Amino acid sequence: MPQGTLEVVLVSAIGLENTDFLANMDPYVILTCQSQEKKSKVASGQGSSPKWNETFLFTVSSGAKELNIRILDKDDFTADDVVGEANIPLAPVFDQEDVPPTTYNVVKDDQYCGGIRIGLKFTHQGARDRGFPEEELGGWRSSSRD
């Protein structure tokens, strides 16, 4: 299984079902990968088409299969309302390493309720160390005065 860093760019959402009847909702997102959880800023008053443009980093280890996206509406006097969820499989990200922003379906109670736009990038552990070993590069270590 791949190990490394997953970079998630939370761009925006479209067509979300407004859970507030008298005003625009204030959506935010909870992103979960394995046991790690991150929370976006609240897009105050942005209603059913919020924009976040936030980046989150997750450390990925064996067994990571999907990224769970949960959209909620921030409420002041009652519990926050669940707007919907999206589950993004990570296998294509591990293979391609860079998936440009893509719109994923948001569902609630098995019903489509909008889309969320997310970009993904995976960096394999040790990817920065790829290259030629120093001994094979030549230079002062392979030259001699004799």
N, C-alpha and C. Protein backbone atom coordinates (compact mmCIF):
# COMPACT_ATOMS: atom_id res chain seq x y z
N MET A 1 0.84 -1.18 0.00
CA MET A 1 0.00 0.00 0.00
C MET A 1 0.88 1.24 0.00
N PRO A 2 0.43 2.28 -0.68
CA PRO A 2 1.20 3.51 -0.74
C PRO A 2 1.25 4.23 0.61
N GLN A 3 2.37 4.91 0.80
CA GLN A 3 2.53 5.75 1.98
C GLN A 3 3.08 7.08 1.50
N GLY A 4 2.60 8.15 2.10
CA GLY A 4 3.08 9.47 1.71
C GLY A 4 2.15 10.56 2.19
N THR A 5 2.07 11.64 1.40
CA THR A 5 1.27 12.80 1.77
C THR A 5 0.19 13.05 0.73
N LEU A 6 -1.03 13.20 1.20
CA LEU A 6 -2.16 13.52 0.34
C LEU A 6 -2.49 14.98 0.53
N GLU A 7 -2.43 15.73 -0.57
CA GLU A 7 -2.80 17.15 -0.55
C GLU A 7 -4.19 17.27 -1.15
N VAL A 8 -5.10 17.86 -0.40
CA VAL A 8 -6.49 18.02 -0.84
C VAL A 8 -6.76 19.52 -0.98
N VAL A 9 -7.17 19.91 -2.19
CA VAL A 9 -7.54 21.30 -2.44
C VAL A 9 -9.07 21.36 -2.52
N LEU A 10 -9.66 21.95 -1.50
CA LEU A 10 -11.11 22.12 -1.43
C LEU A 10 -11.43 23.43 -2.16
N VAL A 11 -12.03 23.33 -3.34
CA VAL A 11 -12.25 24.50 -4.17
C VAL A 11 -13.61 25.13 -3.89
N SER A 12 -14.69 24.40 -4.20
CA SER A 12 -16.02 24.98 -4.09
C SER A 12 -17.08 23.87 -4.12
N ALA A 13 -18.34 24.29 -4.04
CA ALA A 13 -19.46 23.37 -4.19
C ALA A 13 -20.50 24.06 -5.06
N ILE A 14 -21.34 23.25 -5.70
CA ILE A 14 -22.40 23.80 -6.54
C ILE A 14 -23.69 23.03 -6.31
N GLY A 15 -24.80 23.76 -6.39
CA GLY A 15 -26.10 23.13 -6.34
C GLY A 15 -26.46 22.44 -5.05
N LEU A 16 -25.86 22.85 -3.93
CA LEU A 16 -26.19 22.22 -2.65
C LEU A 16 -27.62 22.59 -2.24
N GLU A 17 -28.26 21.68 -1.57
CA GLU A 17 -29.60 21.94 -1.08
C GLU A 17 -29.50 22.87 0.13
N ASN A 18 -30.18 24.00 0.06
CA ASN A 18 -30.13 24.98 1.14
C ASN A 18 -30.93 24.46 2.33
N THR A 19 -30.27 24.30 3.47
CA THR A 19 -30.93 23.79 4.67
C THR A 19 -31.53 24.90 5.52
N ASP A 20 -31.24 26.16 5.20
CA ASP A 20 -31.83 27.29 5.93
C ASP A 20 -32.98 27.85 5.11
N PHE A 21 -34.15 27.97 5.72
CA PHE A 21 -35.33 28.41 4.99
C PHE A 21 -35.41 29.92 4.83
N LEU A 22 -34.92 30.66 5.81
CA LEU A 22 -35.07 32.12 5.78
C LEU A 22 -33.82 32.87 5.36
N ALA A 23 -32.71 32.17 5.22
CA ALA A 23 -31.45 32.84 4.87
C ALA A 23 -30.56 31.88 4.09
N ASN A 24 -29.45 32.40 3.60
CA ASN A 24 -28.47 31.53 2.97
C ASN A 24 -27.75 30.72 4.04
N MET A 25 -27.47 29.48 3.73
CA MET A 25 -26.76 28.65 4.70
C MET A 25 -25.29 29.04 4.75
N ASP A 26 -24.62 28.59 5.81
CA ASP A 26 -23.21 28.87 6.06
C ASP A 26 -22.47 27.54 6.06
N PRO A 27 -22.14 27.02 4.87
CA PRO A 27 -21.55 25.68 4.79
C PRO A 27 -20.07 25.62 5.17
N TYR A 28 -19.70 24.48 5.71
CA TYR A 28 -18.30 24.14 5.95
C TYR A 28 -18.14 22.66 5.70
N VAL A 29 -16.89 22.21 5.63
CA VAL A 29 -16.61 20.83 5.25
C VAL A 29 -15.73 20.17 6.30
N ILE A 30 -16.03 18.91 6.61
CA ILE A 30 -15.15 18.08 7.43
C ILE A 30 -14.58 17.01 6.51
N LEU A 31 -13.25 16.97 6.41
CA LEU A 31 -12.56 16.00 5.56
C LEU A 31 -11.93 14.96 6.46
N THR A 32 -12.14 13.68 6.13
CA THR A 32 -11.60 12.59 6.94
C THR A 32 -10.87 11.60 6.06
N CYS A 33 -9.64 11.30 6.45
CA CYS A 33 -8.85 10.26 5.78
C CYS A 33 -8.25 9.40 6.89
N GLN A 34 -8.65 8.15 6.90
CA GLN A 34 -8.31 7.23 7.98
C GLN A 34 -8.76 7.85 9.30
N SER A 35 -7.89 8.06 10.25
CA SER A 35 -8.30 8.62 11.54
C SER A 35 -8.05 10.13 11.63
N GLN A 36 -7.56 10.72 10.55
CA GLN A 36 -7.27 12.16 10.55
C GLN A 36 -8.49 12.94 10.08
N GLU A 37 -8.77 14.04 10.77
CA GLU A 37 -9.93 14.86 10.43
C GLU A 37 -9.50 16.32 10.35
N LYS A 38 -9.95 17.00 9.30
CA LYS A 38 -9.66 18.44 9.11
C LYS A 38 -10.98 19.14 8.86
N LYS A 39 -11.03 20.43 9.21
CA LYS A 39 -12.26 21.21 9.07
C LYS A 39 -11.95 22.49 8.29
N SER A 40 -12.80 22.79 7.33
CA SER A 40 -12.63 24.01 6.53
C SER A 40 -13.16 25.22 7.30
N LYS A 41 -12.92 26.39 6.72
CA LYS A 41 -13.53 27.61 7.23
C LYS A 41 -15.02 27.57 6.89
N VAL A 42 -15.80 28.31 7.62
CA VAL A 42 -17.23 28.44 7.33
C VAL A 42 -17.37 29.47 6.21
N ALA A 43 -18.07 29.10 5.16
CA ALA A 43 -18.33 30.02 4.03
C ALA A 43 -19.62 30.79 4.38
N SER A 44 -19.48 31.79 5.23
CA SER A 44 -20.62 32.52 5.77
C SER A 44 -21.48 33.16 4.69
N GLY A 45 -22.78 32.83 4.72
CA GLY A 45 -23.75 33.43 3.82
C GLY A 45 -23.59 33.08 2.36
N GLN A 46 -22.76 32.09 2.03
CA GLN A 46 -22.53 31.77 0.62
C GLN A 46 -23.54 30.78 0.06
N GLY A 47 -24.44 30.28 0.88
CA GLY A 47 -25.54 29.47 0.40
C GLY A 47 -25.16 28.18 -0.29
N SER A 48 -25.83 27.90 -1.42
CA SER A 48 -25.68 26.61 -2.08
C SER A 48 -24.50 26.53 -3.05
N SER A 49 -23.75 27.62 -3.23
CA SER A 49 -22.57 27.61 -4.12
C SER A 49 -21.36 28.25 -3.43
N PRO A 50 -20.91 27.67 -2.32
CA PRO A 50 -19.79 28.26 -1.57
C PRO A 50 -18.44 28.04 -2.26
N LYS A 51 -17.50 28.93 -1.93
CA LYS A 51 -16.12 28.80 -2.40
C LYS A 51 -15.21 28.83 -1.16
N TRP A 52 -14.28 27.87 -1.10
CA TRP A 52 -13.36 27.81 0.02
C TRP A 52 -11.92 28.08 -0.41
N ASN A 53 -11.45 27.40 -1.45
CA ASN A 53 -10.06 27.52 -1.91
C ASN A 53 -9.07 27.32 -0.75
N GLU A 54 -9.22 26.19 -0.08
CA GLU A 54 -8.34 25.83 1.04
C GLU A 54 -7.60 24.53 0.72
N THR A 55 -6.40 24.39 1.29
CA THR A 55 -5.59 23.19 1.08
C THR A 55 -5.37 22.49 2.42
N PHE A 56 -5.49 21.17 2.39
CA PHE A 56 -5.31 20.34 3.58
C PHE A 56 -4.32 19.23 3.26
N LEU A 57 -3.48 18.87 4.24
CA LEU A 57 -2.51 17.79 4.07
C LEU A 57 -2.84 16.64 5.02
N PHE A 58 -2.79 15.43 4.48
CA PHE A 58 -3.01 14.22 5.26
C PHE A 58 -1.80 13.30 5.09
N THR A 59 -1.38 12.66 6.17
CA THR A 59 -0.34 11.65 6.11
C THR A 59 -1.02 10.32 5.84
N VAL A 60 -0.66 9.70 4.72
CA VAL A 60 -1.32 8.46 4.31
C VAL A 60 -0.43 7.28 4.62
N SER A 61 -1.01 6.27 5.26
CA SER A 61 -0.29 5.03 5.55
C SER A 61 -1.09 3.86 4.98
N SER A 62 -0.62 2.68 5.21
CA SER A 62 -1.28 1.47 4.69
C SER A 62 -2.75 1.46 5.05
N GLY A 63 -3.55 1.03 4.12
CA GLY A 63 -4.97 0.85 4.38
C GLY A 63 -5.84 2.03 4.02
N ALA A 64 -5.29 3.15 3.58
CA ALA A 64 -6.12 4.30 3.18
C ALA A 64 -6.82 3.97 1.88
N LYS A 65 -8.15 4.02 1.89
CA LYS A 65 -8.91 3.65 0.70
C LYS A 65 -9.74 4.80 0.14
N GLU A 66 -10.17 5.72 1.02
CA GLU A 66 -11.01 6.81 0.54
C GLU A 66 -10.89 8.05 1.40
N LEU A 67 -11.29 9.14 0.82
CA LEU A 67 -11.38 10.42 1.50
C LEU A 67 -12.86 10.72 1.67
N ASN A 68 -13.29 10.95 2.90
CA ASN A 68 -14.69 11.24 3.17
C ASN A 68 -14.86 12.75 3.31
N ILE A 69 -15.82 13.28 2.57
CA ILE A 69 -16.13 14.71 2.61
C ILE A 69 -17.54 14.85 3.17
N ARG A 70 -17.68 15.61 4.22
CA ARG A 70 -18.99 15.82 4.85
C ARG A 70 -19.25 17.32 4.89
N ILE A 71 -20.34 17.75 4.26
CA ILE A 71 -20.70 19.17 4.22
C ILE A 71 -21.79 19.43 5.25
N LEU A 72 -21.56 20.45 6.07
CA LEU A 72 -22.52 20.82 7.10
C LEU A 72 -22.86 22.30 6.99
N ASP A 73 -23.99 22.67 7.55
CA ASP A 73 -24.43 24.06 7.60
C ASP A 73 -24.31 24.53 9.05
N LYS A 74 -23.49 25.55 9.26
CA LYS A 74 -23.26 26.08 10.61
C LYS A 74 -24.50 26.82 11.09
N ASP A 75 -25.01 26.40 12.24
CA ASP A 75 -26.15 27.06 12.86
C ASP A 75 -25.75 27.57 14.23
N ASP A 76 -26.27 28.73 14.61
CA ASP A 76 -25.88 29.35 15.88
C ASP A 76 -26.63 28.77 17.09
N PHE A 77 -27.90 28.51 16.94
CA PHE A 77 -28.69 28.14 18.11
C PHE A 77 -29.15 26.68 18.13
N THR A 78 -28.88 25.96 17.05
CA THR A 78 -29.25 24.55 16.99
C THR A 78 -28.05 23.76 16.47
N ALA A 79 -28.18 22.44 16.45
CA ALA A 79 -27.11 21.59 15.93
C ALA A 79 -26.92 21.88 14.43
N ASP A 80 -25.67 21.80 13.98
CA ASP A 80 -25.37 22.02 12.57
C ASP A 80 -26.07 20.97 11.73
N ASP A 81 -26.61 21.40 10.59
CA ASP A 81 -27.34 20.51 9.69
C ASP A 81 -26.38 19.82 8.73
N VAL A 82 -26.60 18.53 8.50
CA VAL A 82 -25.83 17.80 7.49
C VAL A 82 -26.42 18.12 6.13
N VAL A 83 -25.58 18.63 5.22
CA VAL A 83 -26.02 18.95 3.87
C VAL A 83 -25.87 17.72 2.98
N GLY A 84 -24.74 17.00 3.12
CA GLY A 84 -24.51 15.80 2.34
C GLY A 84 -23.08 15.32 2.47
N GLU A 85 -22.78 14.21 1.79
CA GLU A 85 -21.45 13.60 1.86
C GLU A 85 -20.98 13.17 0.49
N ALA A 86 -19.66 13.05 0.36
CA ALA A 86 -19.04 12.47 -0.83
C ALA A 86 -17.88 11.60 -0.36
N ASN A 87 -17.77 10.42 -0.95
CA ASN A 87 -16.64 9.53 -0.65
C ASN A 87 -15.81 9.40 -1.92
N ILE A 88 -14.54 9.78 -1.81
CA ILE A 88 -13.66 9.78 -2.98
C ILE A 88 -12.65 8.64 -2.84
N PRO A 89 -12.68 7.67 -3.78
CA PRO A 89 -11.71 6.58 -3.73
C PRO A 89 -10.31 7.12 -4.00
N LEU A 90 -9.33 6.62 -3.26
CA LEU A 90 -7.96 7.13 -3.38
C LEU A 90 -7.08 6.34 -4.33
N ALA A 91 -7.48 5.14 -4.73
CA ALA A 91 -6.64 4.32 -5.62
C ALA A 91 -6.24 5.07 -6.88
N PRO A 92 -7.15 5.79 -7.58
CA PRO A 92 -6.72 6.53 -8.77
C PRO A 92 -5.70 7.63 -8.46
N VAL A 93 -5.82 8.23 -7.29
CA VAL A 93 -4.88 9.29 -6.88
C VAL A 93 -3.49 8.69 -6.63
N PHE A 94 -3.45 7.51 -6.01
CA PHE A 94 -2.17 6.86 -5.75
C PHE A 94 -1.49 6.51 -7.08
N ASP A 95 -2.27 6.12 -8.09
CA ASP A 95 -1.70 5.76 -9.39
C ASP A 95 -1.28 6.98 -10.20
N GLN A 96 -2.17 7.98 -10.29
CA GLN A 96 -1.91 9.15 -11.13
C GLN A 96 -1.07 10.21 -10.43
N GLU A 97 -1.12 10.22 -9.12
CA GLU A 97 -0.42 11.15 -8.24
C GLU A 97 -0.95 12.58 -8.28
N ASP A 98 -1.61 12.99 -9.36
CA ASP A 98 -2.12 14.35 -9.45
C ASP A 98 -3.46 14.32 -10.19
N VAL A 99 -4.54 14.62 -9.48
CA VAL A 99 -5.87 14.66 -10.07
C VAL A 99 -6.34 16.11 -10.01
N PRO A 100 -6.50 16.76 -11.17
CA PRO A 100 -6.93 18.17 -11.16
C PRO A 100 -8.30 18.32 -10.53
N PRO A 101 -8.67 19.55 -10.15
CA PRO A 101 -9.98 19.74 -9.53
C PRO A 101 -11.10 19.10 -10.35
N THR A 102 -11.86 18.26 -9.66
CA THR A 102 -12.94 17.48 -10.26
C THR A 102 -14.17 17.63 -9.38
N THR A 103 -15.35 17.62 -10.00
CA THR A 103 -16.59 17.72 -9.24
C THR A 103 -17.09 16.32 -8.89
N TYR A 104 -17.28 16.08 -7.60
CA TYR A 104 -17.77 14.80 -7.10
C TYR A 104 -19.20 14.99 -6.61
N ASN A 105 -20.04 13.96 -6.79
CA ASN A 105 -21.43 14.02 -6.35
C ASN A 105 -21.53 14.04 -4.83
N VAL A 106 -22.42 14.89 -4.35
CA VAL A 106 -22.74 14.95 -2.92
C VAL A 106 -24.11 14.30 -2.76
N VAL A 107 -24.21 13.36 -1.82
CA VAL A 107 -25.47 12.66 -1.59
C VAL A 107 -25.88 12.75 -0.12
N LYS A 108 -27.19 12.68 0.07
CA LYS A 108 -27.75 12.61 1.43
C LYS A 108 -28.95 11.69 1.34
N ASP A 109 -28.98 10.68 2.19
CA ASP A 109 -30.06 9.69 2.18
C ASP A 109 -30.22 9.08 0.78
N ASP A 110 -29.08 8.75 0.16
CA ASP A 110 -29.03 8.13 -1.17
C ASP A 110 -29.61 9.01 -2.29
N GLN A 111 -29.75 10.29 -2.04
CA GLN A 111 -30.26 11.22 -3.04
C GLN A 111 -29.18 12.24 -3.39
N TYR A 112 -29.02 12.52 -4.70
CA TYR A 112 -28.07 13.53 -5.17
C TYR A 112 -28.50 14.89 -4.63
N CYS A 113 -27.56 15.63 -4.07
CA CYS A 113 -27.91 16.97 -3.55
C CYS A 113 -26.82 18.00 -3.83
N GLY A 114 -26.12 17.85 -4.95
CA GLY A 114 -25.13 18.85 -5.35
C GLY A 114 -23.79 18.23 -5.69
N GLY A 115 -22.82 19.10 -5.89
CA GLY A 115 -21.48 18.64 -6.23
C GLY A 115 -20.43 19.42 -5.46
N ILE A 116 -19.28 18.78 -5.24
CA ILE A 116 -18.17 19.44 -4.56
C ILE A 116 -16.92 19.30 -5.43
N ARG A 117 -16.20 20.39 -5.61
CA ARG A 117 -15.03 20.42 -6.49
C ARG A 117 -13.77 20.33 -5.65
N ILE A 118 -12.98 19.27 -5.93
CA ILE A 118 -11.79 18.98 -5.14
C ILE A 118 -10.65 18.55 -6.05
N GLY A 119 -9.46 19.06 -5.77
CA GLY A 119 -8.24 18.62 -6.45
C GLY A 119 -7.43 17.77 -5.48
N LEU A 120 -6.72 16.76 -6.01
CA LEU A 120 -5.96 15.84 -5.16
C LEU A 120 -4.56 15.64 -5.72
N LYS A 121 -3.60 15.58 -4.81
CA LYS A 121 -2.22 15.30 -5.21
C LYS A 121 -1.61 14.38 -4.16
N PHE A 122 -0.93 13.33 -4.64
CA PHE A 122 -0.31 12.39 -3.72
C PHE A 122 1.19 12.37 -3.97
N THR A 123 1.96 12.52 -2.90
CA THR A 123 3.41 12.45 -2.96
C THR A 123 3.84 11.22 -2.18
N HIS A 124 4.44 10.25 -2.90
CA HIS A 124 4.90 9.03 -2.24
C HIS A 124 5.99 9.36 -1.24
N GLN A 125 6.01 8.63 -0.13
CA GLN A 125 7.04 8.80 0.89
C GLN A 125 8.39 8.52 0.24
N GLY A 126 9.34 9.39 0.43
CA GLY A 126 10.67 9.21 -0.13
C GLY A 126 10.79 9.70 -1.56
N ALA A 127 9.73 10.32 -2.12
CA ALA A 127 9.78 10.78 -3.51
C ALA A 127 10.85 11.84 -3.71
N ARG A 128 11.12 12.62 -2.70
CA ARG A 128 12.16 13.65 -2.81
C ARG A 128 13.55 13.04 -2.89
N ASP A 129 13.68 11.81 -2.41
CA ASP A 129 14.99 11.16 -2.40
C ASP A 129 15.29 10.43 -3.71
N ARG A 130 14.33 10.43 -4.63
CA ARG A 130 14.55 9.73 -5.90
C ARG A 130 15.64 10.44 -6.67
N GLY A 131 16.43 9.69 -7.38
CA GLY A 131 17.51 10.29 -8.15
C GLY A 131 18.70 9.36 -8.09
N PHE A 132 19.80 9.85 -8.53
CA PHE A 132 21.01 9.04 -8.59
C PHE A 132 21.77 9.11 -7.29
N PRO A 133 22.31 7.99 -6.86
CA PRO A 133 23.16 8.02 -5.67
C PRO A 133 24.38 8.87 -5.97
N GLU A 134 24.88 9.53 -4.94
CA GLU A 134 26.00 10.45 -5.11
C GLU A 134 27.23 9.77 -5.72
N GLU A 135 27.47 8.51 -5.39
CA GLU A 135 28.64 7.81 -5.89
C GLU A 135 28.62 7.66 -7.41
N GLU A 136 27.45 7.61 -8.02
CA GLU A 136 27.35 7.40 -9.46
C GLU A 136 27.44 8.70 -10.25
N LEU A 137 27.47 9.83 -9.58
CA LEU A 137 27.50 11.10 -10.27
C LEU A 137 28.89 11.50 -10.73
N GLY A 138 29.89 10.86 -10.26
CA GLY A 138 31.26 11.27 -10.62
C GLY A 138 31.69 12.43 -9.76
N GLY A 139 32.52 13.27 -10.31
CA GLY A 139 32.95 14.44 -9.57
C GLY A 139 34.16 14.15 -8.72
N TRP A 140 34.35 14.89 -7.67
CA TRP A 140 35.58 14.84 -6.88
C TRP A 140 35.80 13.47 -6.25
N ARG A 141 34.75 12.72 -5.95
CA ARG A 141 34.94 11.41 -5.32
C ARG A 141 35.53 10.39 -6.31
N SER A 142 35.23 10.53 -7.61
CA SER A 142 35.76 9.55 -8.55
C SER A 142 37.04 10.00 -9.24
N SER A 143 37.46 11.22 -9.01
CA SER A 143 38.72 11.64 -9.65
C SER A 143 39.90 11.35 -8.74
N SER A 144 41.04 11.22 -9.34
CA SER A 144 42.24 10.98 -8.55
C SER A 144 43.39 11.79 -9.10
N ARG A 145 44.43 11.95 -8.33
CA ARG A 145 45.59 12.75 -8.74
C ARG A 145 46.64 11.89 -9.40
N ASP A 146 46.49 10.58 -9.37
CA ASP A 146 47.53 9.69 -9.90
C ASP A 146 47.62 9.70 -11.37
